[in-house]
Amino acid sequence: MKVSEVMASPVVTVSARNSLQECLDIMRENNVRRLPVVEGAKLVGIIVQHDIEKALRSPGRISQTPVEWVMTKTDLFVVSPEDKITDAARLMKARKISALPVVEDGDLLGIITDSDLMGMLIRLLERQ
């Protein structure tokens, strides 16, 4: 099974210029815990709810702080739509991450999350 068969698409995204508060609002509205950060269709980072909440508790951080100050922009782990689901799951487990952006030629196509993998597991087990 390929990543493209399980990934969520389209993806809710933000710009590096969005504020932390805007990101929290978008996360709550869409019931997500992470948001890929894009410039056009190009993935430039990822921001997770925990990092936003931690930043807002730090002295001097205010809700209007831009995402680019907090987002992860280096060492991003990504997969391609043609990668095997098992490879994506192994990467998530090894790196202790809950989601992987799905990219092709730098463009964000989707995202695969731990919830997507659990949903797939449930469907497979129900077939037995």
N, C-alpha and C. Protein backbone atom coordinates (compact mmCIF):
# COMPACT_ATOMS: atom_id res chain seq x y z
N MET A 1 0.85 -1.18 0.00
CA MET A 1 0.00 0.00 0.00
C MET A 1 0.90 1.25 0.00
N LYS A 2 0.49 2.24 -0.77
CA LYS A 2 1.27 3.47 -0.91
C LYS A 2 0.72 4.58 -0.01
N VAL A 3 1.60 5.55 0.30
CA VAL A 3 1.23 6.71 1.09
C VAL A 3 0.04 7.43 0.46
N SER A 4 0.01 7.52 -0.86
CA SER A 4 -1.06 8.25 -1.55
C SER A 4 -2.44 7.66 -1.28
N GLU A 5 -2.51 6.40 -0.88
CA GLU A 5 -3.78 5.75 -0.61
C GLU A 5 -4.33 6.07 0.78
N VAL A 6 -3.49 6.62 1.65
CA VAL A 6 -3.90 6.86 3.04
C VAL A 6 -3.81 8.34 3.42
N MET A 7 -3.00 9.10 2.72
CA MET A 7 -2.76 10.50 3.10
C MET A 7 -4.04 11.33 3.02
N ALA A 8 -4.05 12.39 3.81
CA ALA A 8 -5.13 13.37 3.76
C ALA A 8 -4.74 14.45 2.76
N SER A 9 -5.69 14.79 1.91
CA SER A 9 -5.45 15.83 0.92
C SER A 9 -6.81 16.36 0.48
N PRO A 10 -6.97 17.67 0.34
CA PRO A 10 -5.98 18.73 0.53
C PRO A 10 -5.66 18.92 2.01
N VAL A 11 -4.62 19.66 2.25
CA VAL A 11 -4.11 19.88 3.61
C VAL A 11 -4.38 21.32 4.04
N VAL A 12 -4.78 21.48 5.29
CA VAL A 12 -4.90 22.81 5.87
C VAL A 12 -3.48 23.30 6.13
N THR A 13 -3.15 24.48 5.63
CA THR A 13 -1.79 25.01 5.75
C THR A 13 -1.82 26.45 6.25
N VAL A 14 -0.63 26.94 6.59
CA VAL A 14 -0.46 28.35 6.95
C VAL A 14 0.78 28.88 6.27
N SER A 15 0.90 30.19 6.30
CA SER A 15 2.08 30.88 5.79
C SER A 15 3.01 31.17 6.96
N ALA A 16 4.27 31.35 6.67
CA ALA A 16 5.24 31.71 7.71
C ALA A 16 4.91 33.05 8.35
N ARG A 17 4.09 33.85 7.67
CA ARG A 17 3.72 35.17 8.19
C ARG A 17 2.50 35.14 9.10
N ASN A 18 1.77 34.02 9.12
CA ASN A 18 0.64 33.92 10.05
C ASN A 18 1.14 34.05 11.48
N SER A 19 0.29 34.57 12.36
CA SER A 19 0.67 34.68 13.77
C SER A 19 0.40 33.35 14.48
N LEU A 20 1.02 33.19 15.64
CA LEU A 20 0.80 31.99 16.44
C LEU A 20 -0.66 31.86 16.81
N GLN A 21 -1.29 32.97 17.15
CA GLN A 21 -2.71 32.92 17.52
C GLN A 21 -3.57 32.49 16.34
N GLU A 22 -3.26 33.00 15.15
CA GLU A 22 -4.00 32.58 13.95
C GLU A 22 -3.87 31.07 13.74
N CYS A 23 -2.66 30.56 13.96
CA CYS A 23 -2.43 29.12 13.80
C CYS A 23 -3.25 28.31 14.80
N LEU A 24 -3.26 28.74 16.05
CA LEU A 24 -4.07 28.04 17.05
C LEU A 24 -5.54 28.05 16.66
N ASP A 25 -6.02 29.19 16.20
CA ASP A 25 -7.42 29.30 15.76
C ASP A 25 -7.71 28.35 14.60
N ILE A 26 -6.81 28.29 13.62
CA ILE A 26 -6.98 27.40 12.47
C ILE A 26 -6.96 25.94 12.92
N MET A 27 -6.07 25.61 13.84
CA MET A 27 -6.00 24.25 14.36
C MET A 27 -7.30 23.85 15.04
N ARG A 28 -7.81 24.74 15.86
CA ARG A 28 -9.07 24.45 16.58
C ARG A 28 -10.24 24.32 15.60
N GLU A 29 -10.32 25.21 14.63
CA GLU A 29 -11.41 25.18 13.64
C GLU A 29 -11.40 23.90 12.82
N ASN A 30 -10.22 23.37 12.56
CA ASN A 30 -10.08 22.20 11.69
C ASN A 30 -9.76 20.91 12.44
N ASN A 31 -9.72 21.00 13.77
CA ASN A 31 -9.46 19.84 14.62
C ASN A 31 -8.17 19.11 14.20
N VAL A 32 -7.09 19.89 14.07
CA VAL A 32 -5.77 19.34 13.74
C VAL A 32 -4.76 19.82 14.78
N ARG A 33 -3.66 19.08 14.90
CA ARG A 33 -2.63 19.42 15.87
C ARG A 33 -1.35 19.93 15.23
N ARG A 34 -1.31 19.92 13.90
CA ARG A 34 -0.12 20.39 13.21
C ARG A 34 -0.54 21.01 11.89
N LEU A 35 0.30 21.95 11.44
CA LEU A 35 0.01 22.64 10.17
C LEU A 35 1.30 22.74 9.37
N PRO A 36 1.29 22.23 8.15
CA PRO A 36 2.43 22.50 7.27
C PRO A 36 2.47 24.00 6.96
N VAL A 37 3.67 24.51 6.85
CA VAL A 37 3.88 25.91 6.51
C VAL A 37 4.37 25.94 5.06
N VAL A 38 3.67 26.72 4.24
CA VAL A 38 3.98 26.74 2.81
C VAL A 38 4.18 28.16 2.30
N GLU A 39 4.94 28.23 1.22
CA GLU A 39 5.04 29.44 0.40
C GLU A 39 4.58 29.00 -0.99
N GLY A 40 3.39 29.42 -1.37
CA GLY A 40 2.78 28.88 -2.58
C GLY A 40 2.45 27.43 -2.31
N ALA A 41 2.95 26.53 -3.13
CA ALA A 41 2.74 25.10 -2.92
C ALA A 41 3.95 24.44 -2.26
N LYS A 42 5.02 25.20 -2.05
CA LYS A 42 6.28 24.65 -1.52
C LYS A 42 6.24 24.56 0.00
N LEU A 43 6.59 23.39 0.52
CA LEU A 43 6.69 23.17 1.96
C LEU A 43 7.95 23.85 2.48
N VAL A 44 7.80 24.72 3.48
CA VAL A 44 8.96 25.40 4.07
C VAL A 44 9.12 25.10 5.56
N GLY A 45 8.13 24.42 6.16
CA GLY A 45 8.24 24.08 7.57
C GLY A 45 6.97 23.41 8.06
N ILE A 46 6.95 23.17 9.36
CA ILE A 46 5.76 22.61 10.00
C ILE A 46 5.68 23.19 11.41
N ILE A 47 4.48 23.43 11.86
CA ILE A 47 4.25 23.95 13.21
C ILE A 47 3.26 23.02 13.89
N VAL A 48 3.57 22.68 15.15
CA VAL A 48 2.69 21.79 15.91
C VAL A 48 2.12 22.54 17.10
N GLN A 49 0.94 22.13 17.51
CA GLN A 49 0.21 22.82 18.57
C GLN A 49 1.04 22.92 19.85
N HIS A 50 1.72 21.86 20.21
CA HIS A 50 2.52 21.87 21.44
C HIS A 50 3.58 22.97 21.40
N ASP A 51 4.24 23.15 20.25
CA ASP A 51 5.28 24.18 20.13
C ASP A 51 4.69 25.58 20.23
N ILE A 52 3.50 25.78 19.70
CA ILE A 52 2.84 27.09 19.80
C ILE A 52 2.51 27.38 21.25
N GLU A 53 1.89 26.42 21.93
CA GLU A 53 1.51 26.63 23.33
C GLU A 53 2.73 26.88 24.20
N LYS A 54 3.81 26.16 23.94
CA LYS A 54 5.07 26.36 24.68
C LYS A 54 5.63 27.76 24.43
N ALA A 55 5.61 28.20 23.18
CA ALA A 55 6.13 29.53 22.83
C ALA A 55 5.30 30.63 23.49
N LEU A 56 3.99 30.44 23.54
CA LEU A 56 3.12 31.47 24.13
C LEU A 56 3.31 31.57 25.64
N ARG A 57 3.83 30.51 26.25
CA ARG A 57 4.11 30.57 27.71
C ARG A 57 5.47 31.19 28.00
N SER A 58 6.32 31.31 27.00
CA SER A 58 7.66 31.86 27.19
C SER A 58 7.59 33.37 27.38
N PRO A 59 8.47 33.91 28.23
CA PRO A 59 8.49 35.37 28.41
C PRO A 59 8.80 36.08 27.09
N GLY A 60 8.07 37.14 26.84
CA GLY A 60 8.30 37.94 25.65
C GLY A 60 7.59 37.44 24.40
N ARG A 61 7.01 36.25 24.46
CA ARG A 61 6.27 35.74 23.30
C ARG A 61 4.85 36.24 23.38
N ILE A 62 4.38 36.77 22.31
CA ILE A 62 3.00 37.22 22.28
C ILE A 62 2.27 36.49 21.15
N SER A 63 0.98 36.53 21.21
CA SER A 63 0.18 35.79 20.25
C SER A 63 0.38 36.24 18.80
N GLN A 64 0.90 37.45 18.60
CA GLN A 64 1.11 37.95 17.23
C GLN A 64 2.48 37.57 16.67
N THR A 65 3.27 36.78 17.42
CA THR A 65 4.56 36.31 16.93
C THR A 65 4.36 35.53 15.64
N PRO A 66 5.17 35.79 14.61
CA PRO A 66 5.00 35.05 13.35
C PRO A 66 5.40 33.58 13.50
N VAL A 67 4.72 32.74 12.75
CA VAL A 67 4.98 31.30 12.75
C VAL A 67 6.44 31.00 12.46
N GLU A 68 7.06 31.75 11.56
CA GLU A 68 8.43 31.46 11.14
C GLU A 68 9.42 31.48 12.31
N TRP A 69 9.07 32.14 13.41
CA TRP A 69 9.96 32.19 14.57
C TRP A 69 9.91 30.90 15.39
N VAL A 70 8.87 30.11 15.20
CA VAL A 70 8.66 28.92 16.03
C VAL A 70 8.67 27.62 15.22
N MET A 71 8.33 27.70 13.95
CA MET A 71 8.16 26.48 13.14
C MET A 71 9.47 25.71 13.00
N THR A 72 9.34 24.43 12.75
CA THR A 72 10.48 23.60 12.40
C THR A 72 10.72 23.78 10.91
N LYS A 73 11.92 24.19 10.56
CA LYS A 73 12.19 24.43 9.14
C LYS A 73 13.40 23.66 8.63
N THR A 74 14.15 23.08 9.53
CA THR A 74 15.27 22.25 9.12
C THR A 74 15.01 20.82 9.57
N ASP A 75 15.65 19.92 8.93
CA ASP A 75 15.51 18.50 9.26
C ASP A 75 14.05 18.04 9.21
N LEU A 76 13.31 18.53 8.23
CA LEU A 76 11.93 18.09 8.05
C LEU A 76 11.93 16.68 7.47
N PHE A 77 11.17 15.82 8.08
CA PHE A 77 11.01 14.47 7.55
C PHE A 77 9.76 14.47 6.68
N VAL A 78 9.91 14.01 5.46
CA VAL A 78 8.80 13.98 4.50
C VAL A 78 8.80 12.64 3.79
N VAL A 79 7.69 12.34 3.14
CA VAL A 79 7.58 11.16 2.30
C VAL A 79 7.00 11.57 0.96
N SER A 80 7.13 10.68 0.00
CA SER A 80 6.51 10.92 -1.31
C SER A 80 5.24 10.10 -1.41
N PRO A 81 4.34 10.46 -2.30
CA PRO A 81 3.09 9.70 -2.44
C PRO A 81 3.32 8.26 -2.86
N GLU A 82 4.45 7.97 -3.47
CA GLU A 82 4.75 6.62 -3.95
C GLU A 82 5.45 5.75 -2.90
N ASP A 83 5.85 6.35 -1.77
CA ASP A 83 6.49 5.56 -0.70
C ASP A 83 5.51 4.56 -0.11
N LYS A 84 6.04 3.47 0.42
CA LYS A 84 5.21 2.46 1.07
C LYS A 84 4.75 2.98 2.43
N ILE A 85 3.53 2.62 2.78
CA ILE A 85 2.98 2.99 4.10
C ILE A 85 3.87 2.46 5.21
N THR A 86 4.37 1.25 5.05
CA THR A 86 5.22 0.66 6.09
C THR A 86 6.48 1.49 6.31
N ASP A 87 7.05 2.04 5.24
CA ASP A 87 8.23 2.89 5.38
C ASP A 87 7.89 4.18 6.12
N ALA A 88 6.74 4.76 5.80
CA ALA A 88 6.30 5.98 6.49
C ALA A 88 6.07 5.70 7.97
N ALA A 89 5.42 4.59 8.28
CA ALA A 89 5.15 4.23 9.67
C ALA A 89 6.45 3.98 10.44
N ARG A 90 7.39 3.32 9.81
CA ARG A 90 8.69 3.08 10.46
C ARG A 90 9.42 4.39 10.74
N LEU A 91 9.37 5.31 9.79
CA LEU A 91 10.02 6.61 9.97
C LEU A 91 9.37 7.37 11.12
N MET A 92 8.05 7.37 11.16
CA MET A 92 7.34 8.06 12.24
C MET A 92 7.69 7.46 13.59
N LYS A 93 7.76 6.16 13.67
CA LYS A 93 8.10 5.49 14.93
C LYS A 93 9.54 5.78 15.34
N ALA A 94 10.46 5.66 14.39
CA ALA A 94 11.88 5.87 14.68
C ALA A 94 12.18 7.30 15.12
N ARG A 95 11.50 8.27 14.49
CA ARG A 95 11.75 9.69 14.79
C ARG A 95 10.80 10.26 15.84
N LYS A 96 9.87 9.40 16.29
CA LYS A 96 8.89 9.81 17.30
C LYS A 96 8.13 11.06 16.88
N ILE A 97 7.60 11.00 15.65
CA ILE A 97 6.81 12.10 15.12
C ILE A 97 5.42 11.59 14.77
N SER A 98 4.46 12.48 14.81
CA SER A 98 3.06 12.07 14.63
C SER A 98 2.52 12.34 13.23
N ALA A 99 3.33 12.93 12.37
CA ALA A 99 2.85 13.23 11.01
C ALA A 99 4.02 13.42 10.07
N LEU A 100 3.75 13.15 8.80
CA LEU A 100 4.74 13.37 7.75
C LEU A 100 4.07 14.11 6.59
N PRO A 101 4.60 15.26 6.21
CA PRO A 101 4.11 15.89 4.99
C PRO A 101 4.44 15.00 3.79
N VAL A 102 3.54 14.98 2.84
CA VAL A 102 3.74 14.22 1.60
C VAL A 102 4.08 15.24 0.52
N VAL A 103 5.28 15.12 -0.03
CA VAL A 103 5.75 16.10 -1.01
C VAL A 103 6.24 15.41 -2.28
N GLU A 104 6.14 16.16 -3.36
CA GLU A 104 6.68 15.72 -4.64
C GLU A 104 7.27 16.95 -5.31
N ASP A 105 8.54 16.89 -5.63
CA ASP A 105 9.26 18.02 -6.21
C ASP A 105 9.14 19.27 -5.34
N GLY A 106 9.12 19.09 -4.02
CA GLY A 106 9.03 20.20 -3.08
C GLY A 106 7.63 20.71 -2.83
N ASP A 107 6.67 20.28 -3.65
CA ASP A 107 5.28 20.72 -3.48
C ASP A 107 4.56 19.83 -2.48
N LEU A 108 3.80 20.45 -1.59
CA LEU A 108 3.02 19.72 -0.60
C LEU A 108 1.77 19.15 -1.28
N LEU A 109 1.61 17.83 -1.20
CA LEU A 109 0.45 17.17 -1.79
C LEU A 109 -0.54 16.68 -0.74
N GLY A 110 -0.04 16.41 0.45
CA GLY A 110 -0.89 15.86 1.50
C GLY A 110 -0.12 15.72 2.79
N ILE A 111 -0.74 15.01 3.73
CA ILE A 111 -0.09 14.72 5.00
C ILE A 111 -0.58 13.36 5.47
N ILE A 112 0.29 12.62 6.11
CA ILE A 112 -0.10 11.35 6.70
C ILE A 112 0.18 11.45 8.20
N THR A 113 -0.81 11.11 9.00
CA THR A 113 -0.71 11.26 10.44
C THR A 113 -0.86 9.92 11.14
N ASP A 114 -0.54 9.93 12.43
CA ASP A 114 -0.73 8.72 13.22
C ASP A 114 -2.20 8.31 13.24
N SER A 115 -3.10 9.26 13.19
CA SER A 115 -4.53 8.94 13.13
C SER A 115 -4.90 8.26 11.81
N ASP A 116 -4.28 8.69 10.71
CA ASP A 116 -4.51 8.04 9.42
C ASP A 116 -4.06 6.58 9.47
N LEU A 117 -2.90 6.35 10.09
CA LEU A 117 -2.38 4.98 10.19
C LEU A 117 -3.25 4.12 11.09
N MET A 118 -3.76 4.69 12.18
CA MET A 118 -4.66 3.94 13.06
C MET A 118 -5.95 3.60 12.33
N GLY A 119 -6.48 4.54 11.55
CA GLY A 119 -7.68 4.28 10.77
C GLY A 119 -7.46 3.15 9.78
N MET A 120 -6.30 3.13 9.13
CA MET A 120 -5.98 2.07 8.19
C MET A 120 -5.88 0.73 8.92
N LEU A 121 -5.24 0.73 10.08
CA LEU A 121 -5.12 -0.50 10.87
C LEU A 121 -6.49 -1.04 11.26
N ILE A 122 -7.37 -0.17 11.70
CA ILE A 122 -8.73 -0.59 12.08
C ILE A 122 -9.44 -1.21 10.89
N ARG A 123 -9.35 -0.57 9.72
CA ARG A 123 -10.01 -1.12 8.52
C ARG A 123 -9.45 -2.49 8.16
N LEU A 124 -8.14 -2.64 8.26
CA LEU A 124 -7.52 -3.94 7.95
C LEU A 124 -7.96 -5.02 8.93
N LEU A 125 -8.01 -4.67 10.21
CA LEU A 125 -8.40 -5.65 11.22
C LEU A 125 -9.87 -6.02 11.11
N GLU A 126 -10.70 -5.09 10.69
CA GLU A 126 -12.12 -5.38 10.53
C GLU A 126 -12.41 -6.33 9.38
N ARG A 127 -11.49 -6.40 8.43
CA ARG A 127 -11.65 -7.31 7.29
C ARG A 127 -11.44 -8.77 7.67
N GLN A 128 -10.77 -8.99 8.79
CA GLN A 128 -10.46 -10.37 9.21
C GLN A 128 -11.67 -11.08 9.76
